[in-house]
Amino acid sequence: MGALPVFRWRLAPDGYATRRQLRALGLRPGGQPVAAQLERPRRRRGPLVAYLYRVDLAVPVRPMTPARRAALERANRARRTCPSCRRDAGYVIPAALGCCVPCAYPSLHEGPEGSTP
């Protein structure tokens, strides 16, 4: 296989799109290989690279089925559940903390008598 065509940032010809652009059109790459790449030069580091796919070979995104929706809800619920107190935090628990904020910083979340609310 030869080298990929490289285009400068914002100068890709029509018919190519990034994954994000394909998704906005309701498409996905569908197993096709990367067709080209964009490069945006930077001063002190390597260039930013974005991979491009051919729009004519892209296929429609798969529809959301009830089973996929249920699996997605379970996965999001697991990301919100604190492993320490087993409560739904109401937000995605930061990986840096590993638990909800009240469990990570109990001294900041104590009531006047020293009990948690």
PDB file of N, CA and C in Angstrom:
ATOM      1  N   MET A   1       0.846  -1.180   0.000  1.00  0.00           N
ATOM      2  CA  MET A   1       0.000   0.000   0.000  1.00  0.00           C
ATOM      3  C   MET A   1       0.890   1.241   0.000  1.00  0.00           C
ATOM      4  N   GLY A   2       0.533   2.235  -0.782  1.00  0.00           N
ATOM      5  CA  GLY A   2       1.316   3.460  -0.869  1.00  0.00           C
ATOM      6  C   GLY A   2       1.046   4.382   0.299  1.00  0.00           C
ATOM      7  N   ALA A   3       1.765   5.476   0.321  1.00  0.00           N
ATOM      8  CA  ALA A   3       1.596   6.465   1.384  1.00  0.00           C
ATOM      9  C   ALA A   3       0.261   7.186   1.210  1.00  0.00           C
ATOM     10  N   LEU A   4      -0.288   7.633   2.300  1.00  0.00           N
ATOM     11  CA  LEU A   4      -1.554   8.370   2.264  1.00  0.00           C
ATOM     12  C   LEU A   4      -1.352   9.764   1.707  1.00  0.00           C
ATOM     13  N   PRO A   5      -2.312  10.272   0.947  1.00  0.00           N
ATOM     14  CA  PRO A   5      -2.231  11.678   0.542  1.00  0.00           C
ATOM     15  C   PRO A   5      -2.361  12.575   1.774  1.00  0.00           C
ATOM     16  N   VAL A   6      -1.565  13.616   1.825  1.00  0.00           N
ATOM     17  CA  VAL A   6      -1.579  14.541   2.951  1.00  0.00           C
ATOM     18  C   VAL A   6      -2.021  15.907   2.449  1.00  0.00           C
ATOM     19  N   PHE A   7      -3.033  16.467   3.123  1.00  0.00           N
ATOM     20  CA  PHE A   7      -3.543  17.786   2.773  1.00  0.00           C
ATOM     21  C   PHE A   7      -3.296  18.734   3.933  1.00  0.00           C
ATOM     22  N   ARG A   8      -3.127  20.007   3.620  1.00  0.00           N
ATOM     23  CA  ARG A   8      -2.993  21.008   4.679  1.00  0.00           C
ATOM     24  C   ARG A   8      -4.349  21.239   5.310  1.00  0.00           C
ATOM     25  N   TRP A   9      -4.328  21.709   6.539  1.00  0.00           N
ATOM     26  CA  TRP A   9      -5.536  21.945   7.317  1.00  0.00           C
ATOM     27  C   TRP A   9      -6.524  22.803   6.536  1.00  0.00           C
ATOM     28  N   ARG A  10      -7.773  22.395   6.498  1.00  0.00           N
ATOM     29  CA  ARG A  10      -8.884  23.070   5.827  1.00  0.00           C
ATOM     30  C   ARG A  10      -8.794  23.073   4.306  1.00  0.00           C
ATOM     31  N   LEU A  11      -7.871  22.302   3.721  1.00  0.00           N
ATOM     32  CA  LEU A  11      -7.717  22.303   2.271  1.00  0.00           C
ATOM     33  C   LEU A  11      -7.963  20.925   1.660  1.00  0.00           C
ATOM     34  N   ALA A  12      -8.735  20.085   2.335  1.00  0.00           N
ATOM     35  CA  ALA A  12      -9.040  18.764   1.784  1.00  0.00           C
ATOM     36  C   ALA A  12     -10.073  18.908   0.664  1.00  0.00           C
ATOM     37  N   PRO A  13      -9.954  18.120  -0.395  1.00  0.00           N
ATOM     38  CA  PRO A  13     -10.929  18.198  -1.477  1.00  0.00           C
ATOM     39  C   PRO A  13     -12.282  17.630  -1.054  1.00  0.00           C
ATOM     40  N   ASP A  14     -13.306  17.947  -1.817  1.00  0.00           N
ATOM     41  CA  ASP A  14     -14.636  17.408  -1.549  1.00  0.00           C
ATOM     42  C   ASP A  14     -14.600  15.885  -1.675  1.00  0.00           C
ATOM     43  N   GLY A  15     -15.484  15.243  -0.947  1.00  0.00           N
ATOM     44  CA  GLY A  15     -15.546  13.782  -0.998  1.00  0.00           C
ATOM     45  C   GLY A  15     -14.808  13.111   0.135  1.00  0.00           C
ATOM     46  N   TYR A  16     -14.098  13.873   0.970  1.00  0.00           N
ATOM     47  CA  TYR A  16     -13.410  13.341   2.144  1.00  0.00           C
ATOM     48  C   TYR A  16     -14.017  13.976   3.394  1.00  0.00           C
ATOM     49  N   ALA A  17     -14.046  13.207   4.482  1.00  0.00           N
ATOM     50  CA  ALA A  17     -14.581  13.734   5.734  1.00  0.00           C
ATOM     51  C   ALA A  17     -13.945  13.004   6.907  1.00  0.00           C
ATOM     52  N   THR A  18     -13.871  13.687   8.046  1.00  0.00           N
ATOM     53  CA  THR A  18     -13.399  13.067   9.280  1.00  0.00           C
ATOM     54  C   THR A  18     -14.533  12.236   9.864  1.00  0.00           C
ATOM     55  N   ARG A  19     -14.233  11.439  10.875  1.00  0.00           N
ATOM     56  CA  ARG A  19     -15.277  10.642  11.540  1.00  0.00           C
ATOM     57  C   ARG A  19     -16.380  11.542  12.086  1.00  0.00           C
ATOM     58  N   ARG A  20     -15.984  12.642  12.683  1.00  0.00           N
ATOM     59  CA  ARG A  20     -16.969  13.552  13.257  1.00  0.00           C
ATOM     60  C   ARG A  20     -17.863  14.167  12.178  1.00  0.00           C
ATOM     61  N   GLN A  21     -17.265  14.508  11.040  1.00  0.00           N
ATOM     62  CA  GLN A  21     -18.057  15.061   9.946  1.00  0.00           C
ATOM     63  C   GLN A  21     -18.990  14.006   9.352  1.00  0.00           C
ATOM     64  N   LEU A  22     -18.507  12.759   9.266  1.00  0.00           N
ATOM     65  CA  LEU A  22     -19.370  11.688   8.794  1.00  0.00           C
ATOM     66  C   LEU A  22     -20.561  11.498   9.731  1.00  0.00           C
ATOM     67  N   ARG A  23     -20.295  11.534  11.019  1.00  0.00           N
ATOM     68  CA  ARG A  23     -21.362  11.344  12.002  1.00  0.00           C
ATOM     69  C   ARG A  23     -22.406  12.446  11.892  1.00  0.00           C
ATOM     70  N   ALA A  24     -21.980  13.668  11.648  1.00  0.00           N
ATOM     71  CA  ALA A  24     -22.919  14.781  11.478  1.00  0.00           C
ATOM     72  C   ALA A  24     -23.807  14.564  10.250  1.00  0.00           C
ATOM     73  N   LEU A  25     -23.316  13.802   9.270  1.00  0.00           N
ATOM     74  CA  LEU A  25     -24.103  13.477   8.086  1.00  0.00           C
ATOM     75  C   LEU A  25     -24.927  12.207   8.267  1.00  0.00           C
ATOM     76  N   GLY A  26     -24.831  11.584   9.451  1.00  0.00           N
ATOM     77  CA  GLY A  26     -25.555  10.344   9.696  1.00  0.00           C
ATOM     78  C   GLY A  26     -24.862   9.128   9.102  1.00  0.00           C
ATOM     79  N   LEU A  27     -23.530   9.227   8.933  1.00  0.00           N
ATOM     80  CA  LEU A  27     -22.758   8.147   8.331  1.00  0.00           C
ATOM     81  C   LEU A  27     -21.654   7.686   9.270  1.00  0.00           C
ATOM     82  N   ARG A  28     -21.044   6.555   8.927  1.00  0.00           N
ATOM     83  CA  ARG A  28     -19.886   6.023   9.637  1.00  0.00           C
ATOM     84  C   ARG A  28     -18.930   5.440   8.607  1.00  0.00           C
ATOM     85  N   PRO A  29     -17.645   5.266   8.934  1.00  0.00           N
ATOM     86  CA  PRO A  29     -16.691   4.763   7.944  1.00  0.00           C
ATOM     87  C   PRO A  29     -17.056   3.378   7.396  1.00  0.00           C
ATOM     88  N   GLY A  30     -17.632   2.524   8.211  1.00  0.00           N
ATOM     89  CA  GLY A  30     -18.082   1.226   7.719  1.00  0.00           C
ATOM     90  C   GLY A  30     -16.959   0.276   7.352  1.00  0.00           C
ATOM     91  N   GLY A  31     -15.833   0.331   8.031  1.00  0.00           N
ATOM     92  CA  GLY A  31     -14.749  -0.609   7.782  1.00  0.00           C
ATOM     93  C   GLY A  31     -13.773  -0.198   6.701  1.00  0.00           C
ATOM     94  N   GLN A  32     -13.994   0.924   6.069  1.00  0.00           N
ATOM     95  CA  GLN A  32     -13.058   1.349   5.029  1.00  0.00           C
ATOM     96  C   GLN A  32     -11.761   1.849   5.653  1.00  0.00           C
ATOM     97  N   PRO A  33     -10.646   1.695   4.965  1.00  0.00           N
ATOM     98  CA  PRO A  33      -9.383   2.196   5.515  1.00  0.00           C
ATOM     99  C   PRO A  33      -9.319   3.721   5.420  1.00  0.00           C
ATOM    100  N   VAL A  34      -8.392   4.297   6.149  1.00  0.00           N
ATOM    101  CA  VAL A  34      -8.165   5.739   6.085  1.00  0.00           C
ATOM    102  C   VAL A  34      -7.727   6.081   4.665  1.00  0.00           C
ATOM    103  N   ALA A  35      -8.371   7.090   4.067  1.00  0.00           N
ATOM    104  CA  ALA A  35      -8.094   7.437   2.670  1.00  0.00           C
ATOM    105  C   ALA A  35      -7.061   8.550   2.535  1.00  0.00           C
ATOM    106  N   ALA A  36      -6.994   9.440   3.511  1.00  0.00           N
ATOM    107  CA  ALA A  36      -6.054  10.571   3.456  1.00  0.00           C
ATOM    108  C   ALA A  36      -5.920  11.137   4.859  1.00  0.00           C
ATOM    109  N   GLN A  37      -5.070  12.135   4.996  1.00  0.00           N
ATOM    110  CA  GLN A  37      -4.944  12.787   6.295  1.00  0.00           C
ATOM    111  C   GLN A  37      -4.718  14.280   6.116  1.00  0.00           C
ATOM    112  N   LEU A  38      -5.163  15.004   7.140  1.00  0.00           N
ATOM    113  CA  LEU A  38      -4.936  16.450   7.210  1.00  0.00           C
ATOM    114  C   LEU A  38      -3.807  16.683   8.191  1.00  0.00           C
ATOM    115  N   GLU A  39      -2.998  17.679   7.946  1.00  0.00           N
ATOM    116  CA  GLU A  39      -1.961  18.051   8.898  1.00  0.00           C
ATOM    117  C   GLU A  39      -2.015  19.550   9.133  1.00  0.00           C
ATOM    118  N   ARG A  40      -1.999  19.891  10.402  1.00  0.00           N
ATOM    119  CA  ARG A  40      -1.949  21.295  10.798  1.00  0.00           C
ATOM    120  C   ARG A  40      -0.619  21.527  11.494  1.00  0.00           C
ATOM    121  N   PRO A  41       0.259  22.307  10.903  1.00  0.00           N
ATOM    122  CA  PRO A  41       1.582  22.502  11.521  1.00  0.00           C
ATOM    123  C   PRO A  41       1.495  23.263  12.845  1.00  0.00           C
ATOM    124  N   ARG A  42       2.422  22.928  13.731  1.00  0.00           N
ATOM    125  CA  ARG A  42       2.557  23.638  15.014  1.00  0.00           C
ATOM    126  C   ARG A  42       4.010  24.040  15.172  1.00  0.00           C
ATOM    127  N   ARG A  43       4.267  25.037  15.987  1.00  0.00           N
ATOM    128  CA  ARG A  43       5.622  25.592  16.108  1.00  0.00           C
ATOM    129  C   ARG A  43       6.621  24.663  16.783  1.00  0.00           C
ATOM    130  N   ARG A  44       6.312  24.194  17.964  1.00  0.00           N
ATOM    131  CA  ARG A  44       7.322  23.472  18.736  1.00  0.00           C
ATOM    132  C   ARG A  44       7.055  21.977  18.864  1.00  0.00           C
ATOM    133  N   ARG A  45       5.988  21.501  18.273  1.00  0.00           N
ATOM    134  CA  ARG A  45       5.675  20.076  18.369  1.00  0.00           C
ATOM    135  C   ARG A  45       5.332  19.560  16.981  1.00  0.00           C
ATOM    136  N   GLY A  46       5.076  18.275  16.897  1.00  0.00           N
ATOM    137  CA  GLY A  46       4.684  17.688  15.626  1.00  0.00           C
ATOM    138  C   GLY A  46       3.325  18.211  15.188  1.00  0.00           C
ATOM    139  N   PRO A  47       2.982  18.010  13.935  1.00  0.00           N
ATOM    140  CA  PRO A  47       1.711  18.546  13.440  1.00  0.00           C
ATOM    141  C   PRO A  47       0.507  17.805  14.018  1.00  0.00           C
ATOM    142  N   LEU A  48      -0.628  18.505  14.083  1.00  0.00           N
ATOM    143  CA  LEU A  48      -1.887  17.863  14.432  1.00  0.00           C
ATOM    144  C   LEU A  48      -2.350  17.094  13.205  1.00  0.00           C
ATOM    145  N   VAL A  49      -2.823  15.894  13.413  1.00  0.00           N
ATOM    146  CA  VAL A  49      -3.216  15.041  12.295  1.00  0.00           C
ATOM    147  C   VAL A  49      -4.673  14.650  12.459  1.00  0.00           C
ATOM    148  N   ALA A  50      -5.426  14.704  11.357  1.00  0.00           N
ATOM    149  CA  ALA A  50      -6.807  14.233  11.322  1.00  0.00           C
ATOM    150  C   ALA A  50      -6.934  13.275  10.152  1.00  0.00           C
ATOM    151  N   TYR A  51      -7.550  12.128  10.390  1.00  0.00           N
ATOM    152  CA  TYR A  51      -7.699  11.138   9.340  1.00  0.00           C
ATOM    153  C   TYR A  51      -8.989  11.369   8.578  1.00  0.00           C
ATOM    154  N   LEU A  52      -8.930  11.150   7.278  1.00  0.00           N
ATOM    155  CA  LEU A  52     -10.076  11.378   6.398  1.00  0.00           C
ATOM    156  C   LEU A  52     -10.542  10.071   5.783  1.00  0.00           C
ATOM    157  N   TYR A  53     -11.856   9.971   5.604  1.00  0.00           N
ATOM    158  CA  TYR A  53     -12.479   8.816   4.979  1.00  0.00           C
ATOM    159  C   TYR A  53     -13.269   9.280   3.769  1.00  0.00           C
ATOM    160  N   ARG A  54     -13.477   8.389   2.827  1.00  0.00           N
ATOM    161  CA  ARG A  54     -14.243   8.735   1.639  1.00  0.00           C
ATOM    162  C   ARG A  54     -15.728   8.713   1.966  1.00  0.00           C
ATOM    163  N   VAL A  55     -16.424   9.777   1.594  1.00  0.00           N
ATOM    164  CA  VAL A  55     -17.845   9.902   1.887  1.00  0.00           C
ATOM    165  C   VAL A  55     -18.643   8.915   1.047  1.00  0.00           C
ATOM    166  N   ASP A  56     -18.220   8.660  -0.185  1.00  0.00           N
ATOM    167  CA  ASP A  56     -18.991   7.760  -1.050  1.00  0.00           C
ATOM    168  C   ASP A  56     -18.951   6.306  -0.584  1.00  0.00           C
ATOM    169  N   LEU A  57     -17.956   5.921   0.223  1.00  0.00           N
ATOM    170  CA  LEU A  57     -17.869   4.564   0.750  1.00  0.00           C
ATOM    171  C   LEU A  57     -18.457   4.433   2.151  1.00  0.00           C
ATOM    172  N   ALA A  58     -18.865   5.547   2.745  1.00  0.00           N
ATOM    173  CA  ALA A  58     -19.417   5.521   4.098  1.00  0.00           C
ATOM    174  C   ALA A  58     -20.806   4.895   4.078  1.00  0.00           C
ATOM    175  N   VAL A  59     -21.172   4.288   5.196  1.00  0.00           N
ATOM    176  CA  VAL A  59     -22.478   3.636   5.311  1.00  0.00           C
ATOM    177  C   VAL A  59     -23.283   4.321   6.420  1.00  0.00           C
ATOM    178  N   PRO A  60     -24.602   4.183   6.413  1.00  0.00           N
ATOM    179  CA  PRO A  60     -25.414   4.829   7.456  1.00  0.00           C
ATOM    180  C   PRO A  60     -25.092   4.269   8.844  1.00  0.00           C
ATOM    181  N   VAL A  61     -25.268   5.109   9.861  1.00  0.00           N
ATOM    182  CA  VAL A  61     -25.069   4.653  11.231  1.00  0.00           C
ATOM    183  C   VAL A  61     -26.137   3.628  11.565  1.00  0.00           C
ATOM    184  N   ARG A  62     -25.799   2.711  12.447  1.00  0.00           N
ATOM    185  CA  ARG A  62     -26.770   1.694  12.862  1.00  0.00           C
ATOM    186  C   ARG A  62     -27.835   2.358  13.729  1.00  0.00           C
ATOM    187  N   PRO A  63     -29.089   1.960  13.576  1.00  0.00           N
ATOM    188  CA  PRO A  63     -30.141   2.574  14.394  1.00  0.00           C
ATOM    189  C   PRO A  63     -30.026   2.139  15.856  1.00  0.00           C
ATOM    190  N   MET A  64     -30.512   2.993  16.742  1.00  0.00           N
ATOM    191  CA  MET A  64     -30.509   2.680  18.168  1.00  0.00           C
ATOM    192  C   MET A  64     -31.667   1.734  18.466  1.00  0.00           C
ATOM    193  N   THR A  65     -31.338   0.521  18.874  1.00  0.00           N
ATOM    194  CA  THR A  65     -32.363  -0.461  19.211  1.00  0.00           C
ATOM    195  C   THR A  65     -32.674  -0.366  20.700  1.00  0.00           C
ATOM    196  N   PRO A  66     -33.805  -0.914  21.137  1.00  0.00           N
ATOM    197  CA  PRO A  66     -34.111  -0.898  22.573  1.00  0.00           C
ATOM    198  C   PRO A  66     -33.028  -1.579  23.417  1.00  0.00           C
ATOM    199  N   ALA A  67     -32.435  -2.651  22.921  1.00  0.00           N
ATOM    200  CA  ALA A  67     -31.394  -3.345  23.684  1.00  0.00           C
ATOM    201  C   ALA A  67     -30.134  -2.486  23.791  1.00  0.00           C
ATOM    202  N   ARG A  68     -29.756  -1.808  22.710  1.00  0.00           N
ATOM    203  CA  ARG A  68     -28.583  -0.927  22.762  1.00  0.00           C
ATOM    204  C   ARG A  68     -28.839   0.244  23.684  1.00  0.00           C
ATOM    205  N   ARG A  69     -30.056   0.806  23.653  1.00  0.00           N
ATOM    206  CA  ARG A  69     -30.397   1.920  24.535  1.00  0.00           C
ATOM    207  C   ARG A  69     -30.322   1.487  25.996  1.00  0.00           C
ATOM    208  N   ALA A  70     -30.833   0.289  26.305  1.00  0.00           N
ATOM    209  CA  ALA A  70     -30.783  -0.217  27.678  1.00  0.00           C
ATOM    210  C   ALA A  70     -29.342  -0.439  28.123  1.00  0.00           C
ATOM    211  N   ALA A  71     -28.507  -0.977  27.245  1.00  0.00           N
ATOM    212  CA  ALA A  71     -27.097  -1.196  27.594  1.00  0.00           C
ATOM    213  C   ALA A  71     -26.390   0.128  27.839  1.00  0.00           C
ATOM    214  N   LEU A  72     -26.679   1.133  27.033  1.00  0.00           N
ATOM    215  CA  LEU A  72     -26.079   2.452  27.212  1.00  0.00           C
ATOM    216  C   LEU A  72     -26.516   3.080  28.535  1.00  0.00           C
ATOM    217  N   GLU A  73     -27.794   2.931  28.880  1.00  0.00           N
ATOM    218  CA  GLU A  73     -28.277   3.453  30.168  1.00  0.00           C
ATOM    219  C   GLU A  73     -27.606   2.749  31.340  1.00  0.00           C
ATOM    220  N   ARG A  74     -27.424   1.425  31.248  1.00  0.00           N
ATOM    221  CA  ARG A  74     -26.741   0.694  32.319  1.00  0.00           C
ATOM    222  C   ARG A  74     -25.290   1.151  32.458  1.00  0.00           C
ATOM    223  N   ALA A  75     -24.612   1.356  31.334  1.00  0.00           N
ATOM    224  CA  ALA A  75     -23.215   1.792  31.380  1.00  0.00           C
ATOM    225  C   ALA A  75     -23.104   3.188  31.991  1.00  0.00           C
ATOM    226  N   ASN A  76     -23.998   4.094  31.624  1.00  0.00           N
ATOM    227  CA  ASN A  76     -23.964   5.443  32.190  1.00  0.00           C
ATOM    228  C   ASN A  76     -24.317   5.433  33.670  1.00  0.00           C
ATOM    229  N   ARG A  77     -25.255   4.582  34.077  1.00  0.00           N
ATOM    230  CA  ARG A  77     -25.599   4.469  35.496  1.00  0.00           C
ATOM    231  C   ARG A  77     -24.397   3.963  36.292  1.00  0.00           C
ATOM    232  N   ALA A  78     -23.655   3.002  35.724  1.00  0.00           N
ATOM    233  CA  ALA A  78     -22.468   2.478  36.409  1.00  0.00           C
ATOM    234  C   ALA A  78     -21.403   3.555  36.566  1.00  0.00           C
ATOM    235  N   ARG A  79     -21.285   4.462  35.610  1.00  0.00           N
ATOM    236  CA  ARG A  79     -20.300   5.549  35.705  1.00  0.00           C
ATOM    237  C   ARG A  79     -20.696   6.580  36.750  1.00  0.00           C
ATOM    238  N   ARG A  80     -21.989   6.646  37.097  1.00  0.00           N
ATOM    239  CA  ARG A  80     -22.464   7.604  38.094  1.00  0.00           C
ATOM    240  C   ARG A  80     -22.536   7.015  39.498  1.00  0.00           C
ATOM    241  N   THR A  81     -22.458   5.691  39.642  1.00  0.00           N
ATOM    242  CA  THR A  81     -22.595   5.038  40.942  1.00  0.00           C
ATOM    243  C   THR A  81     -21.255   5.014  41.667  1.00  0.00           C
ATOM    244  N   CYS A  82     -21.255   5.524  42.888  1.00  0.00           N
ATOM    245  CA  CYS A  82     -20.035   5.570  43.699  1.00  0.00           C
ATOM    246  C   CYS A  82     -19.712   4.165  44.212  1.00  0.00           C
ATOM    247  N   PRO A  83     -18.484   3.680  44.042  1.00  0.00           N
ATOM    248  CA  PRO A  83     -18.146   2.352  44.552  1.00  0.00           C
ATOM    249  C   PRO A  83     -18.042   2.299  46.074  1.00  0.00           C
ATOM    250  N   SER A  84     -17.874   3.448  46.725  1.00  0.00           N
ATOM    251  CA  SER A  84     -17.745   3.463  48.187  1.00  0.00           C
ATOM    252  C   SER A  84     -19.102   3.434  48.881  1.00  0.00           C
ATOM    253  N   CYS A  85     -19.975   4.370  48.517  1.00  0.00           N
ATOM    254  CA  CYS A  85     -21.269   4.483  49.204  1.00  0.00           C
ATOM    255  C   CYS A  85     -22.428   3.881  48.413  1.00  0.00           C
ATOM    256  N   ARG A  86     -22.171   3.463  47.170  1.00  0.00           N
ATOM    257  CA  ARG A  86     -23.152   2.818  46.294  1.00  0.00           C
ATOM    258  C   ARG A  86     -24.351   3.704  45.966  1.00  0.00           C
ATOM    259  N   ARG A  87     -24.185   5.025  46.045  1.00  0.00           N
ATOM    260  CA  ARG A  87     -25.257   5.955  45.688  1.00  0.00           C
ATOM    261  C   ARG A  87     -25.025   6.508  44.297  1.00  0.00           C
ATOM    262  N   ASP A  88     -26.122   6.908  43.653  1.00  0.00           N
ATOM    263  CA  ASP A  88     -26.032   7.577  42.362  1.00  0.00           C
ATOM    264  C   ASP A  88     -25.600   9.011  42.644  1.00  0.00           C
ATOM    265  N   ALA A  89     -24.423   9.392  42.146  1.00  0.00           N
ATOM    266  CA  ALA A  89     -23.876  10.720  42.421  1.00  0.00           C
ATOM    267  C   ALA A  89     -24.592  11.809  41.628  1.00  0.00           C
ATOM    268  N   GLY A  90     -25.268  11.449  40.542  1.00  0.00           N
ATOM    269  CA  GLY A  90     -25.930  12.444  39.719  1.00  0.00           C
ATOM    270  C   GLY A  90     -25.006  13.042  38.666  1.00  0.00           C
ATOM    271  N   TYR A  91     -23.756  12.591  38.623  1.00  0.00           N
ATOM    272  CA  TYR A  91     -22.776  13.046  37.641  1.00  0.00           C
ATOM    273  C   TYR A  91     -21.795  11.899  37.429  1.00  0.00           C
ATOM    274  N   VAL A  92     -21.045  11.944  36.356  1.00  0.00           N
ATOM    275  CA  VAL A  92     -20.034  10.921  36.099  1.00  0.00           C
ATOM    276  C   VAL A  92     -18.905  11.114  37.102  1.00  0.00           C
ATOM    277  N   ILE A  93     -18.579  10.054  37.808  1.00  0.00           N
ATOM    278  CA  ILE A  93     -17.558  10.125  38.850  1.00  0.00           C
ATOM    279  C   ILE A  93     -16.182  10.272  38.194  1.00  0.00           C
ATOM    280  N   PRO A  94     -15.408  11.283  38.590  1.00  0.00           N
ATOM    281  CA  PRO A  94     -14.087  11.487  37.988  1.00  0.00           C
ATOM    282  C   PRO A  94     -13.162  10.303  38.274  1.00  0.00           C
ATOM    283  N   ALA A  95     -12.453   9.853  37.257  1.00  0.00           N
ATOM    284  CA  ALA A  95     -11.523   8.732  37.422  1.00  0.00           C
ATOM    285  C   ALA A  95     -10.396   9.095  38.385  1.00  0.00           C
ATOM    286  N   ALA A  96     -10.043  10.377  38.450  1.00  0.00           N
ATOM    287  CA  ALA A  96      -8.963  10.798  39.351  1.00  0.00           C
ATOM    288  C   ALA A  96      -9.359  10.609  40.813  1.00  0.00           C
ATOM    289  N   LEU A  97     -10.645  10.765  41.127  1.00  0.00           N
ATOM    290  CA  LEU A  97     -11.106  10.579  42.507  1.00  0.00           C
ATOM    291  C   LEU A  97     -11.416   9.120  42.784  1.00  0.00           C
ATOM    292  N   GLY A  98     -12.076   8.448  41.851  1.00  0.00           N
ATOM    293  CA  GLY A  98     -12.442   7.049  42.040  1.00  0.00           C
ATOM    294  C   GLY A  98     -13.693   6.851  42.861  1.00  0.00           C
ATOM    295  N   CYS A  99     -14.240   7.933  43.403  1.00  0.00           N
ATOM    296  CA  CYS A  99     -15.484   7.870  44.164  1.00  0.00           C
ATOM    297  C   CYS A  99     -16.131   9.249  44.098  1.00  0.00           C
ATOM    298  N   CYS A 100     -17.344   9.364  44.660  1.00  0.00           N
ATOM    299  CA  CYS A 100     -18.035  10.648  44.599  1.00  0.00           C
ATOM    300  C   CYS A 100     -17.301  11.681  45.466  1.00  0.00           C
ATOM    301  N   VAL A 101     -17.588  12.939  45.259  1.00  0.00           N
ATOM    302  CA  VAL A 101     -16.892  14.012  45.969  1.00  0.00           C
ATOM    303  C   VAL A 101     -17.098  13.931  47.485  1.00  0.00           C
ATOM    304  N   PRO A 102     -18.329  13.678  47.996  1.00  0.00           N
ATOM    305  CA  PRO A 102     -18.467  13.545  49.456  1.00  0.00           C
ATOM    306  C   PRO A 102     -17.635  12.409  50.049  1.00  0.00           C
ATOM    307  N   CYS A 103     -17.481  11.294  49.324  1.00  0.00           N
ATOM    308  CA  CYS A 103     -16.641  10.209  49.835  1.00  0.00           C
ATOM    309  C   CYS A 103     -15.156  10.550  49.722  1.00  0.00           C
ATOM    310  N   ALA A 104     -14.779  11.294  48.690  1.00  0.00           N
ATOM    311  CA  ALA A 104     -13.380  11.656  48.503  1.00  0.00           C
ATOM    312  C   ALA A 104     -12.932  12.717  49.505  1.00  0.00           C
ATOM    313  N   TYR A 105     -13.822  13.650  49.848  1.00  0.00           N
ATOM    314  CA  TYR A 105     -13.503  14.742  50.783  1.00  0.00           C
ATOM    315  C   TYR A 105     -14.563  14.795  51.880  1.00  0.00           C
ATOM    316  N   PRO A 106     -14.559  13.836  52.792  1.00  0.00           N
ATOM    317  CA  PRO A 106     -15.614  13.803  53.818  1.00  0.00           C
ATOM    318  C   PRO A 106     -15.569  14.997  54.771  1.00  0.00           C
ATOM    319  N   SER A 107     -14.403  15.575  55.017  1.00  0.00           N
ATOM    320  CA  SER A 107     -14.324  16.690  55.963  1.00  0.00           C
ATOM    321  C   SER A 107     -15.018  17.941  55.417  1.00  0.00           C
ATOM    322  N   LEU A 108     -15.103  18.093  54.099  1.00  0.00           N
ATOM    323  CA  LEU A 108     -15.761  19.242  53.511  1.00  0.00           C
ATOM    324  C   LEU A 108     -17.278  19.114  53.487  1.00  0.00           C
ATOM    325  N   HIS A 109     -17.783  17.888  53.643  1.00  0.00           N
ATOM    326  CA  HIS A 109     -19.214  17.646  53.500  1.00  0.00           C
ATOM    327  C   HIS A 109     -19.866  17.185  54.807  1.00  0.00           C
ATOM    328  N   GLU A 110     -19.280  17.542  55.938  1.00  0.00           N
ATOM    329  CA  GLU A 110     -19.880  17.190  57.215  1.00  0.00           C
ATOM    330  C   GLU A 110     -20.819  18.278  57.679  1.00  0.00           C
ATOM    331  N   GLY A 111     -21.855  17.874  58.399  1.00  0.00           N
ATOM    332  CA  GLY A 111     -22.792  18.830  58.969  1.00  0.00           C
ATOM    333  C   GLY A 111     -22.209  19.435  60.228  1.00  0.00           C
ATOM    334  N   PRO A 112     -22.966  20.279  60.948  1.00  0.00           N
ATOM    335  CA  PRO A 112     -22.439  20.924  62.164  1.00  0.00           C
ATOM    336  C   PRO A 112     -22.141  19.936  63.275  1.00  0.00           C
ATOM    337  N   GLU A 113     -22.836  18.792  63.339  1.00  0.00           N
ATOM    338  CA  GLU A 113     -22.589  17.808  64.398  1.00  0.00           C
ATOM    339  C   GLU A 113     -21.569  16.763  63.973  1.00  0.00           C
ATOM    340  N   GLY A 114     -20.980  16.901  62.797  1.00  0.00           N
ATOM    341  CA  GLY A 114     -20.004  15.944  62.338  1.00  0.00           C
ATOM    342  C   GLY A 114     -20.596  14.805  61.534  1.00  0.00           C
ATOM    343  N   SER A 115     -21.900  14.819  61.274  1.00  0.00           N
ATOM    344  CA  SER A 115     -22.518  13.760  60.486  1.00  0.00           C
ATOM    345  C   SER A 115     -22.722  14.270  59.058  1.00  0.00           C
ATOM    346  N   THR A 116     -22.711  13.365  58.136  1.00  0.00           N
ATOM    347  CA  THR A 116     -22.925  13.756  56.745  1.00  0.00           C
ATOM    348  C   THR A 116     -24.412  13.958  56.504  1.00  0.00           C
ATOM    349  N   PRO A 117     -24.793  14.913  55.662  1.00  0.00           N
ATOM    350  CA  PRO A 117     -26.214  15.175  55.422  1.00  0.00           C
ATOM    351  C   PRO A 117     -26.873  14.066  54.643  1.00  0.00           C
TER     352      PRO A 117
END
